[in-house]
Amino acid sequence: MNAYVLELLSLIAIYTALTASLNLLAGYAGLVSVCHAAFFAVGAYTSAILSTRYGWSVGGGALVALIAAGALGFSVARLAGRLRDEYFLLVTFALQVVTSGVLLNWIELSRGAMGISNVPRLLSSAGNSAIALVATSGLMVFAARYLERLPFGHALLAIRDDQRFAASLGKNVPRVKALAASVSAGMAALAGSLYAHWMQFVSPESFKVDKSILILSMVILGGKNTAIGSLGGAATLLIIPEVARLVVGGPVAANLQGIFYGLVLVITLSLRPSVLWRARL
């Protein structure tokens, strides 16, 4: 039971960091993305490959993962810099599909559906690894909040509300969008690195489009612009399937998972997320 609780809390910490990173892009810049699992995968696979095949340290692999995902996010946002709403969404969906295809079919790199095993732990013991993971995730969440309070965050809000007005104030809209995407992707990759070293195994199943939709759902549920909202959204949507599994049990719970998610989102949007999570952290 202790191991089960430890794993659940660690996953909540990882997804809280993912939610905070996507909120920087979707909540502040107004750029809804469904490819966050792709950046998550870049971090996880980069760390897994570097540590298992080349003996890199956890920190070194995480740094390379952050830089690689940040560069990918920046490039994608620059290419789609003048797009809004559903057009930007389609670009991110395309990136997610391509990433999933690469992970599944580039056997020499990712080992395909077999995945990569024996990824080293963050630290020597599970308890110490969990503490390091939670602490790192917490720092990522509050780093996102700090960025949002800087002039950079104010520029994102201006672009979200009115791109033309922001441009008239001298803001380089495509560049600010690209920087937001880069930071958001880098944070997602760092969370992916933590995930790989915690689970000690990565496979394409963990980074499909449904994971991107799950992370976006956590942002919607938690509400915009709150650190406590990121935690609340992540915890709720991770605990729901666990409760369903304990109550219903077996494969039935897995089949009902999507229904539970849908009901939670419908109720949340009806009640307004800002009402559900009032704390402003």
C-alpha atoms as a PDB file:
ATOM      1  CA  MET A   1       0.000   0.000   0.000  1.00  0.00           C
ATOM      2  CA  ASN A   2       2.849   2.401   0.816  1.00  0.00           C
ATOM      3  CA  ALA A   3       4.404   1.777  -2.600  1.00  0.00           C
ATOM      4  CA  TYR A   4       1.028   2.344  -4.276  1.00  0.00           C
ATOM      5  CA  VAL A   5       0.463   5.672  -2.488  1.00  0.00           C
ATOM      6  CA  LEU A   6       4.030   6.755  -3.226  1.00  0.00           C
ATOM      7  CA  GLU A   7       3.585   6.041  -6.928  1.00  0.00           C
ATOM      8  CA  LEU A   8       0.240   7.860  -7.081  1.00  0.00           C
ATOM      9  CA  LEU A   9       1.631  10.934  -5.305  1.00  0.00           C
ATOM     10  CA  SER A  10       4.651  10.975  -7.618  1.00  0.00           C
ATOM     11  CA  LEU A  11       2.429  10.809 -10.708  1.00  0.00           C
ATOM     12  CA  ILE A  12       0.303  13.642  -9.326  1.00  0.00           C
ATOM     13  CA  ALA A  13       3.474  15.711  -8.873  1.00  0.00           C
ATOM     14  CA  ILE A  14       4.614  15.013 -12.446  1.00  0.00           C
ATOM     15  CA  TYR A  15       1.227  15.837 -13.969  1.00  0.00           C
ATOM     16  CA  THR A  16       0.933  18.963 -11.820  1.00  0.00           C
ATOM     17  CA  ALA A  17       4.160  20.207 -13.415  1.00  0.00           C
ATOM     18  CA  LEU A  18       2.832  19.249 -16.864  1.00  0.00           C
ATOM     19  CA  THR A  19      -0.422  21.106 -16.197  1.00  0.00           C
ATOM     20  CA  ALA A  20       1.425  24.220 -15.033  1.00  0.00           C
ATOM     21  CA  SER A  21       3.624  24.139 -18.132  1.00  0.00           C
ATOM     22  CA  LEU A  22       0.650  23.843 -20.510  1.00  0.00           C
ATOM     23  CA  ASN A  23      -1.211  26.546 -18.595  1.00  0.00           C
ATOM     24  CA  LEU A  24       1.636  28.907 -19.457  1.00  0.00           C
ATOM     25  CA  LEU A  25       0.846  28.336 -23.131  1.00  0.00           C
ATOM     26  CA  ALA A  26      -2.925  27.751 -23.152  1.00  0.00           C
ATOM     27  CA  GLY A  27      -3.998  29.797 -20.140  1.00  0.00           C
ATOM     28  CA  TYR A  28      -1.788  32.839 -20.650  1.00  0.00           C
ATOM     29  CA  ALA A  29      -0.953  32.911 -24.356  1.00  0.00           C
ATOM     30  CA  GLY A  30      -4.329  31.484 -25.404  1.00  0.00           C
ATOM     31  CA  LEU A  31      -2.670  28.832 -27.585  1.00  0.00           C
ATOM     32  CA  VAL A  32      -4.526  25.570 -27.072  1.00  0.00           C
ATOM     33  CA  SER A  33      -2.201  22.652 -27.750  1.00  0.00           C
ATOM     34  CA  VAL A  34      -2.767  18.913 -28.017  1.00  0.00           C
ATOM     35  CA  CYS A  35       0.883  17.926 -28.400  1.00  0.00           C
ATOM     36  CA  HIS A  36       2.092  18.320 -24.827  1.00  0.00           C
ATOM     37  CA  ALA A  37       2.531  14.551 -24.551  1.00  0.00           C
ATOM     38  CA  ALA A  38       4.977  14.840 -27.473  1.00  0.00           C
ATOM     39  CA  PHE A  39       7.244  17.177 -25.479  1.00  0.00           C
ATOM     40  CA  PHE A  40       6.709  14.934 -22.451  1.00  0.00           C
ATOM     41  CA  ALA A  41       7.929  12.037 -24.625  1.00  0.00           C
ATOM     42  CA  VAL A  42      10.991  13.953 -25.851  1.00  0.00           C
ATOM     43  CA  GLY A  43      12.067  14.424 -22.253  1.00  0.00           C
ATOM     44  CA  ALA A  44      11.374  10.853 -21.206  1.00  0.00           C
ATOM     45  CA  TYR A  45      13.036   9.192 -24.191  1.00  0.00           C
ATOM     46  CA  THR A  46      16.035  11.530 -24.246  1.00  0.00           C
ATOM     47  CA  SER A  47      16.792  10.810 -20.606  1.00  0.00           C
ATOM     48  CA  ALA A  48      16.104   7.094 -21.005  1.00  0.00           C
ATOM     49  CA  ILE A  49      18.347   6.711 -24.068  1.00  0.00           C
ATOM     50  CA  LEU A  50      21.218   8.804 -22.710  1.00  0.00           C
ATOM     51  CA  SER A  51      21.216   7.085 -19.317  1.00  0.00           C
ATOM     52  CA  THR A  52      20.779   3.457 -20.477  1.00  0.00           C
ATOM     53  CA  ARG A  53      22.925   3.467 -23.632  1.00  0.00           C
ATOM     54  CA  TYR A  54      25.557   6.093 -22.921  1.00  0.00           C
ATOM     55  CA  GLY A  55      25.751   6.188 -19.131  1.00  0.00           C
ATOM     56  CA  TRP A  56      24.774   9.812 -18.744  1.00  0.00           C
ATOM     57  CA  SER A  57      23.783  11.168 -15.348  1.00  0.00           C
ATOM     58  CA  VAL A  58      20.188  12.046 -14.533  1.00  0.00           C
ATOM     59  CA  GLY A  59      20.973  15.763 -14.506  1.00  0.00           C
ATOM     60  CA  GLY A  60      22.826  15.682 -17.817  1.00  0.00           C
ATOM     61  CA  GLY A  61      20.058  13.791 -19.572  1.00  0.00           C
ATOM     62  CA  ALA A  62      17.402  16.116 -18.162  1.00  0.00           C
ATOM     63  CA  LEU A  63      19.315  19.176 -19.363  1.00  0.00           C
ATOM     64  CA  VAL A  64      19.660  17.808 -22.907  1.00  0.00           C
ATOM     65  CA  ALA A  65      15.957  16.860 -22.873  1.00  0.00           C
ATOM     66  CA  LEU A  66      14.952  20.359 -21.782  1.00  0.00           C
ATOM     67  CA  ILE A  67      17.045  22.013 -24.507  1.00  0.00           C
ATOM     68  CA  ALA A  68      15.851  19.612 -27.233  1.00  0.00           C
ATOM     69  CA  ALA A  69      12.158  20.024 -26.396  1.00  0.00           C
ATOM     70  CA  GLY A  70      12.534  23.773 -25.967  1.00  0.00           C
ATOM     71  CA  ALA A  71      14.092  24.046 -29.421  1.00  0.00           C
ATOM     72  CA  LEU A  72      11.326  21.879 -30.911  1.00  0.00           C
ATOM     73  CA  GLY A  73       8.612  23.964 -29.248  1.00  0.00           C
ATOM     74  CA  PHE A  74      10.224  27.191 -30.433  1.00  0.00           C
ATOM     75  CA  SER A  75      10.511  25.895 -34.015  1.00  0.00           C
ATOM     76  CA  VAL A  76       6.905  24.724 -34.166  1.00  0.00           C
ATOM     77  CA  ALA A  77       5.599  27.983 -32.736  1.00  0.00           C
ATOM     78  CA  ARG A  78       7.687  30.046 -35.154  1.00  0.00           C
ATOM     79  CA  LEU A  79       6.338  28.056 -38.084  1.00  0.00           C
ATOM     80  CA  ALA A  80       2.779  28.505 -36.838  1.00  0.00           C
ATOM     81  CA  GLY A  81       3.394  31.897 -35.244  1.00  0.00           C
ATOM     82  CA  ARG A  82       0.698  33.751 -37.149  1.00  0.00           C
ATOM     83  CA  LEU A  83      -1.938  31.072 -36.639  1.00  0.00           C
ATOM     84  CA  ARG A  84      -4.671  31.223 -34.028  1.00  0.00           C
ATOM     85  CA  ASP A  85      -7.240  28.966 -32.480  1.00  0.00           C
ATOM     86  CA  GLU A  86      -8.152  25.893 -34.523  1.00  0.00           C
ATOM     87  CA  TYR A  87      -5.272  26.326 -37.011  1.00  0.00           C
ATOM     88  CA  PHE A  88      -2.637  26.294 -34.283  1.00  0.00           C
ATOM     89  CA  LEU A  89      -4.482  23.371 -32.705  1.00  0.00           C
ATOM     90  CA  LEU A  90      -4.205  21.408 -35.968  1.00  0.00           C
ATOM     91  CA  VAL A  91      -0.453  22.036 -36.140  1.00  0.00           C
ATOM     92  CA  THR A  92       0.026  20.727 -32.609  1.00  0.00           C
ATOM     93  CA  PHE A  93      -2.147  17.695 -33.366  1.00  0.00           C
ATOM     94  CA  ALA A  94       0.039  16.944 -36.393  1.00  0.00           C
ATOM     95  CA  LEU A  95       3.164  17.111 -34.227  1.00  0.00           C
ATOM     96  CA  GLN A  96       1.590  14.720 -31.729  1.00  0.00           C
ATOM     97  CA  VAL A  97       0.720  12.224 -34.467  1.00  0.00           C
ATOM     98  CA  VAL A  98       4.217  12.402 -35.965  1.00  0.00           C
ATOM     99  CA  THR A  99       5.856  11.933 -32.557  1.00  0.00           C
ATOM    100  CA  SER A 100       3.694   8.914 -31.750  1.00  0.00           C
ATOM    101  CA  GLY A 101       4.559   7.413 -35.134  1.00  0.00           C
ATOM    102  CA  VAL A 102       8.286   7.943 -34.629  1.00  0.00           C
ATOM    103  CA  LEU A 103       8.247   6.364 -31.162  1.00  0.00           C
ATOM    104  CA  LEU A 104       6.335   3.344 -32.403  1.00  0.00           C
ATOM    105  CA  ASN A 105       8.160   2.726 -35.689  1.00  0.00           C
ATOM    106  CA  TRP A 106      11.759   3.927 -35.258  1.00  0.00           C
ATOM    107  CA  ILE A 107      12.848   0.695 -33.588  1.00  0.00           C
ATOM    108  CA  GLU A 108      16.574   1.496 -33.546  1.00  0.00           C
ATOM    109  CA  LEU A 109      15.921   4.635 -31.519  1.00  0.00           C
ATOM    110  CA  SER A 110      12.961   3.847 -29.292  1.00  0.00           C
ATOM    111  CA  ARG A 111      12.701   0.033 -29.456  1.00  0.00           C
ATOM    112  CA  GLY A 112       9.114   0.555 -30.598  1.00  0.00           C
ATOM    113  CA  ALA A 113       6.342  -1.056 -28.594  1.00  0.00           C
ATOM    114  CA  MET A 114       8.925  -2.930 -26.473  1.00  0.00           C
ATOM    115  CA  GLY A 115       9.967   0.353 -24.876  1.00  0.00           C
ATOM    116  CA  ILE A 116      13.150   1.103 -22.941  1.00  0.00           C
ATOM    117  CA  SER A 117      13.627  -0.578 -19.575  1.00  0.00           C
ATOM    118  CA  ASN A 118      16.178  -0.440 -16.749  1.00  0.00           C
ATOM    119  CA  VAL A 119      16.234   3.362 -16.673  1.00  0.00           C
ATOM    120  CA  PRO A 120      18.152   4.321 -13.491  1.00  0.00           C
ATOM    121  CA  ARG A 121      16.302   5.851 -10.552  1.00  0.00           C
ATOM    122  CA  LEU A 122      16.622   9.496  -9.653  1.00  0.00           C
ATOM    123  CA  LEU A 123      18.286   8.499  -6.381  1.00  0.00           C
ATOM    124  CA  SER A 124      19.245   5.257  -4.666  1.00  0.00           C
ATOM    125  CA  SER A 125      15.911   4.560  -2.943  1.00  0.00           C
ATOM    126  CA  ALA A 126      12.265   4.959  -3.947  1.00  0.00           C
ATOM    127  CA  GLY A 127      11.551   7.235  -0.986  1.00  0.00           C
ATOM    128  CA  ASN A 128      14.398   9.626  -1.734  1.00  0.00           C
ATOM    129  CA  SER A 129      13.524   9.575  -5.449  1.00  0.00           C
ATOM    130  CA  ALA A 130       9.928  10.523  -4.645  1.00  0.00           C
ATOM    131  CA  ILE A 131      11.056  13.417  -2.449  1.00  0.00           C
ATOM    132  CA  ALA A 132      13.380  14.700  -5.174  1.00  0.00           C
ATOM    133  CA  LEU A 133      10.639  14.302  -7.782  1.00  0.00           C
ATOM    134  CA  VAL A 134       8.009  16.168  -5.742  1.00  0.00           C
ATOM    135  CA  ALA A 135      10.474  18.937  -4.874  1.00  0.00           C
ATOM    136  CA  THR A 136      11.516  19.389  -8.512  1.00  0.00           C
ATOM    137  CA  SER A 137       7.907  19.398  -9.708  1.00  0.00           C
ATOM    138  CA  GLY A 138       7.012  21.983  -7.058  1.00  0.00           C
ATOM    139  CA  LEU A 139       9.863  24.226  -8.177  1.00  0.00           C
ATOM    140  CA  MET A 140       8.660  23.927 -11.783  1.00  0.00           C
ATOM    141  CA  VAL A 141       5.126  24.969 -10.807  1.00  0.00           C
ATOM    142  CA  PHE A 142       6.269  28.034  -8.927  1.00  0.00           C
ATOM    143  CA  ALA A 143       8.792  28.904 -11.635  1.00  0.00           C
ATOM    144  CA  ALA A 144       5.868  28.987 -14.066  1.00  0.00           C
ATOM    145  CA  ARG A 145       3.957  31.267 -11.709  1.00  0.00           C
ATOM    146  CA  TYR A 146       7.003  33.537 -11.412  1.00  0.00           C
ATOM    147  CA  LEU A 147       7.321  33.813 -15.195  1.00  0.00           C
ATOM    148  CA  GLU A 148       3.633  34.669 -15.456  1.00  0.00           C
ATOM    149  CA  ARG A 149       4.079  37.646 -13.114  1.00  0.00           C
ATOM    150  CA  LEU A 150       6.976  39.100 -15.111  1.00  0.00           C
ATOM    151  CA  PRO A 151       6.516  41.486 -18.098  1.00  0.00           C
ATOM    152  CA  PHE A 152       6.781  38.348 -20.241  1.00  0.00           C
ATOM    153  CA  GLY A 153       3.601  37.036 -18.619  1.00  0.00           C
ATOM    154  CA  HIS A 154       1.839  40.367 -19.125  1.00  0.00           C
ATOM    155  CA  ALA A 155       2.811  40.267 -22.803  1.00  0.00           C
ATOM    156  CA  LEU A 156       1.269  36.794 -23.088  1.00  0.00           C
ATOM    157  CA  LEU A 157      -1.977  38.051 -21.567  1.00  0.00           C
ATOM    158  CA  ALA A 158      -2.060  40.977 -23.974  1.00  0.00           C
ATOM    159  CA  ILE A 159      -1.539  38.650 -26.943  1.00  0.00           C
ATOM    160  CA  ARG A 160      -4.233  36.287 -25.692  1.00  0.00           C
ATOM    161  CA  ASP A 161      -6.772  39.084 -25.326  1.00  0.00           C
ATOM    162  CA  ASP A 162      -5.983  41.030 -28.521  1.00  0.00           C
ATOM    163  CA  GLN A 163      -3.056  40.259 -30.804  1.00  0.00           C
ATOM    164  CA  ARG A 164      -3.431  43.413 -32.870  1.00  0.00           C
ATOM    165  CA  PHE A 165      -3.494  45.634 -29.804  1.00  0.00           C
ATOM    166  CA  ALA A 166      -0.422  43.852 -28.410  1.00  0.00           C
ATOM    167  CA  ALA A 167       1.380  44.363 -31.732  1.00  0.00           C
ATOM    168  CA  SER A 168       0.440  48.048 -31.700  1.00  0.00           C
ATOM    169  CA  LEU A 169       2.188  48.338 -28.335  1.00  0.00           C
ATOM    170  CA  GLY A 170       5.393  47.100 -29.935  1.00  0.00           C
ATOM    171  CA  LYS A 171       5.175  43.449 -28.913  1.00  0.00           C
ATOM    172  CA  ASN A 172       6.713  40.977 -31.338  1.00  0.00           C
ATOM    173  CA  VAL A 173       3.752  38.598 -31.276  1.00  0.00           C
ATOM    174  CA  PRO A 174       5.276  35.611 -33.162  1.00  0.00           C
ATOM    175  CA  ARG A 175       8.463  35.807 -31.092  1.00  0.00           C
ATOM    176  CA  VAL A 176       6.635  35.992 -27.746  1.00  0.00           C
ATOM    177  CA  LYS A 177       4.455  33.043 -28.776  1.00  0.00           C
ATOM    178  CA  ALA A 178       7.541  31.061 -29.757  1.00  0.00           C
ATOM    179  CA  LEU A 179       9.257  31.828 -26.443  1.00  0.00           C
ATOM    180  CA  ALA A 180       6.143  30.743 -24.537  1.00  0.00           C
ATOM    181  CA  ALA A 181       6.006  27.502 -26.517  1.00  0.00           C
ATOM    182  CA  SER A 182       9.714  26.918 -25.918  1.00  0.00           C
ATOM    183  CA  VAL A 183       9.466  27.392 -22.150  1.00  0.00           C
ATOM    184  CA  SER A 184       6.303  25.292 -21.955  1.00  0.00           C
ATOM    185  CA  ALA A 185       7.867  22.479 -24.009  1.00  0.00           C
ATOM    186  CA  GLY A 186      11.078  22.562 -21.979  1.00  0.00           C
ATOM    187  CA  MET A 187       9.151  22.229 -18.726  1.00  0.00           C
ATOM    188  CA  ALA A 188       7.141  19.323 -20.175  1.00  0.00           C
ATOM    189  CA  ALA A 189      10.385  17.606 -21.189  1.00  0.00           C
ATOM    190  CA  LEU A 190      11.798  18.036 -17.693  1.00  0.00           C
ATOM    191  CA  ALA A 191       8.641  16.398 -16.330  1.00  0.00           C
ATOM    192  CA  GLY A 192       9.169  13.620 -18.878  1.00  0.00           C
ATOM    193  CA  SER A 193      12.705  13.089 -17.640  1.00  0.00           C
ATOM    194  CA  LEU A 194      11.414  12.784 -14.080  1.00  0.00           C
ATOM    195  CA  TYR A 195       8.781  10.319 -15.281  1.00  0.00           C
ATOM    196  CA  ALA A 196      11.333   8.103 -17.058  1.00  0.00           C
ATOM    197  CA  HIS A 197      13.617   7.906 -14.036  1.00  0.00           C
ATOM    198  CA  TRP A 198      10.718   7.313 -11.651  1.00  0.00           C
ATOM    199  CA  MET A 199       8.965   4.599 -13.697  1.00  0.00           C
ATOM    200  CA  GLN A 200      12.313   3.155 -14.917  1.00  0.00           C
ATOM    201  CA  PHE A 201      10.548   2.271 -18.162  1.00  0.00           C
ATOM    202  CA  VAL A 202       9.163   4.231 -21.123  1.00  0.00           C
ATOM    203  CA  SER A 203       7.010   3.087 -24.060  1.00  0.00           C
ATOM    204  CA  PRO A 204       4.924   4.828 -26.754  1.00  0.00           C
ATOM    205  CA  GLU A 205       1.698   3.943 -24.905  1.00  0.00           C
ATOM    206  CA  SER A 206       2.480   6.556 -22.254  1.00  0.00           C
ATOM    207  CA  PHE A 207       2.707   9.446 -24.737  1.00  0.00           C
ATOM    208  CA  LYS A 208      -0.238   9.088 -27.118  1.00  0.00           C
ATOM    209  CA  VAL A 209      -2.701  11.838 -28.008  1.00  0.00           C
ATOM    210  CA  ASP A 210      -5.032  10.818 -25.177  1.00  0.00           C
ATOM    211  CA  LYS A 211      -2.321  11.923 -22.730  1.00  0.00           C
ATOM    212  CA  SER A 212      -2.207  15.355 -24.374  1.00  0.00           C
ATOM    213  CA  ILE A 213      -5.985  15.590 -24.047  1.00  0.00           C
ATOM    214  CA  LEU A 214      -5.722  14.492 -20.419  1.00  0.00           C
ATOM    215  CA  ILE A 215      -3.204  17.253 -19.645  1.00  0.00           C
ATOM    216  CA  LEU A 216      -5.381  19.826 -21.407  1.00  0.00           C
ATOM    217  CA  SER A 217      -8.356  18.556 -19.382  1.00  0.00           C
ATOM    218  CA  MET A 218      -6.356  19.127 -16.199  1.00  0.00           C
ATOM    219  CA  VAL A 219      -5.745  22.731 -17.250  1.00  0.00           C
ATOM    220  CA  ILE A 220      -9.470  23.241 -17.927  1.00  0.00           C
ATOM    221  CA  LEU A 221     -10.470  21.601 -14.651  1.00  0.00           C
ATOM    222  CA  GLY A 222      -7.938  23.468 -12.550  1.00  0.00           C
ATOM    223  CA  GLY A 223      -8.756  26.855 -14.009  1.00  0.00           C
ATOM    224  CA  LYS A 224      -6.348  29.390 -15.427  1.00  0.00           C
ATOM    225  CA  ASN A 225      -3.530  31.208 -13.684  1.00  0.00           C
ATOM    226  CA  THR A 226      -3.365  29.306 -10.383  1.00  0.00           C
ATOM    227  CA  ALA A 227      -0.700  26.983  -9.015  1.00  0.00           C
ATOM    228  CA  ILE A 228      -3.252  25.325  -6.748  1.00  0.00           C
ATOM    229  CA  GLY A 229      -5.448  24.833  -9.816  1.00  0.00           C
ATOM    230  CA  SER A 230      -2.689  22.853 -11.535  1.00  0.00           C
ATOM    231  CA  LEU A 231      -2.450  20.600  -8.494  1.00  0.00           C
ATOM    232  CA  GLY A 232      -6.219  20.283  -8.169  1.00  0.00           C
ATOM    233  CA  GLY A 233      -6.764  19.463 -11.843  1.00  0.00           C
ATOM    234  CA  ALA A 234      -3.984  16.884 -11.938  1.00  0.00           C
ATOM    235  CA  ALA A 235      -4.942  15.225  -8.655  1.00  0.00           C
ATOM    236  CA  THR A 236      -8.637  14.999  -9.530  1.00  0.00           C
ATOM    237  CA  LEU A 237      -8.180  13.394 -12.941  1.00  0.00           C
ATOM    238  CA  LEU A 238      -5.571  10.942 -11.664  1.00  0.00           C
ATOM    239  CA  ILE A 239      -7.517   9.922  -8.574  1.00  0.00           C
ATOM    240  CA  ILE A 240     -10.831   9.407 -10.425  1.00  0.00           C
ATOM    241  CA  PRO A 241      -9.694   6.319 -12.388  1.00  0.00           C
ATOM    242  CA  GLU A 242      -8.044   4.896  -9.283  1.00  0.00           C
ATOM    243  CA  VAL A 243     -11.286   5.246  -7.325  1.00  0.00           C
ATOM    244  CA  ALA A 244     -13.188   3.689 -10.232  1.00  0.00           C
ATOM    245  CA  ARG A 245     -10.727   0.803 -10.348  1.00  0.00           C
ATOM    246  CA  LEU A 246     -11.109   0.155  -6.629  1.00  0.00           C
ATOM    247  CA  VAL A 247     -14.908   0.441  -6.676  1.00  0.00           C
ATOM    248  CA  VAL A 248     -15.741  -1.205 -10.001  1.00  0.00           C
ATOM    249  CA  GLY A 249     -12.563  -3.170 -10.609  1.00  0.00           C
ATOM    250  CA  GLY A 250     -11.049  -4.883 -13.633  1.00  0.00           C
ATOM    251  CA  PRO A 251     -11.283  -3.850 -17.274  1.00  0.00           C
ATOM    252  CA  VAL A 252     -14.715  -2.318 -16.699  1.00  0.00           C
ATOM    253  CA  ALA A 253     -13.094   0.577 -14.839  1.00  0.00           C
ATOM    254  CA  ALA A 254     -10.709   1.215 -17.731  1.00  0.00           C
ATOM    255  CA  ASN A 255     -13.629   1.365 -20.156  1.00  0.00           C
ATOM    256  CA  LEU A 256     -15.491   3.792 -17.912  1.00  0.00           C
ATOM    257  CA  GLN A 257     -12.486   6.092 -17.479  1.00  0.00           C
ATOM    258  CA  GLY A 258     -13.337   8.285 -20.477  1.00  0.00           C
ATOM    259  CA  ILE A 259     -16.917   8.635 -19.257  1.00  0.00           C
ATOM    260  CA  PHE A 260     -15.703   9.774 -15.838  1.00  0.00           C
ATOM    261  CA  TYR A 261     -13.385  12.333 -17.441  1.00  0.00           C
ATOM    262  CA  GLY A 262     -16.184  13.643 -19.623  1.00  0.00           C
ATOM    263  CA  LEU A 263     -18.600  14.008 -16.711  1.00  0.00           C
ATOM    264  CA  VAL A 264     -16.016  15.849 -14.622  1.00  0.00           C
ATOM    265  CA  LEU A 265     -15.284  18.297 -17.445  1.00  0.00           C
ATOM    266  CA  VAL A 266     -18.982  18.936 -18.152  1.00  0.00           C
ATOM    267  CA  ILE A 267     -19.649  19.618 -14.464  1.00  0.00           C
ATOM    268  CA  THR A 268     -16.540  21.792 -14.184  1.00  0.00           C
ATOM    269  CA  LEU A 269     -17.377  23.917 -17.213  1.00  0.00           C
ATOM    270  CA  SER A 270     -20.923  24.328 -15.916  1.00  0.00           C
ATOM    271  CA  LEU A 271     -19.757  25.500 -12.494  1.00  0.00           C
ATOM    272  CA  ARG A 272     -16.819  27.549 -13.905  1.00  0.00           C
ATOM    273  CA  PRO A 273     -13.265  26.456 -12.984  1.00  0.00           C
ATOM    274  CA  SER A 274     -12.523  29.791 -11.347  1.00  0.00           C
ATOM    275  CA  VAL A 275     -15.217  29.015  -8.784  1.00  0.00           C
ATOM    276  CA  LEU A 276     -13.922  25.502  -8.076  1.00  0.00           C
ATOM    277  CA  TRP A 277     -10.341  26.605  -7.425  1.00  0.00           C
ATOM    278  CA  ARG A 278     -10.359  29.993  -5.752  1.00  0.00           C
ATOM    279  CA  ALA A 279      -6.855  29.987  -4.244  1.00  0.00           C
ATOM    280  CA  ARG A 280      -4.511  32.370  -6.062  1.00  0.00           C
ATOM    281  CA  LEU A 281      -0.990  31.058  -5.725  1.00  0.00           C
END
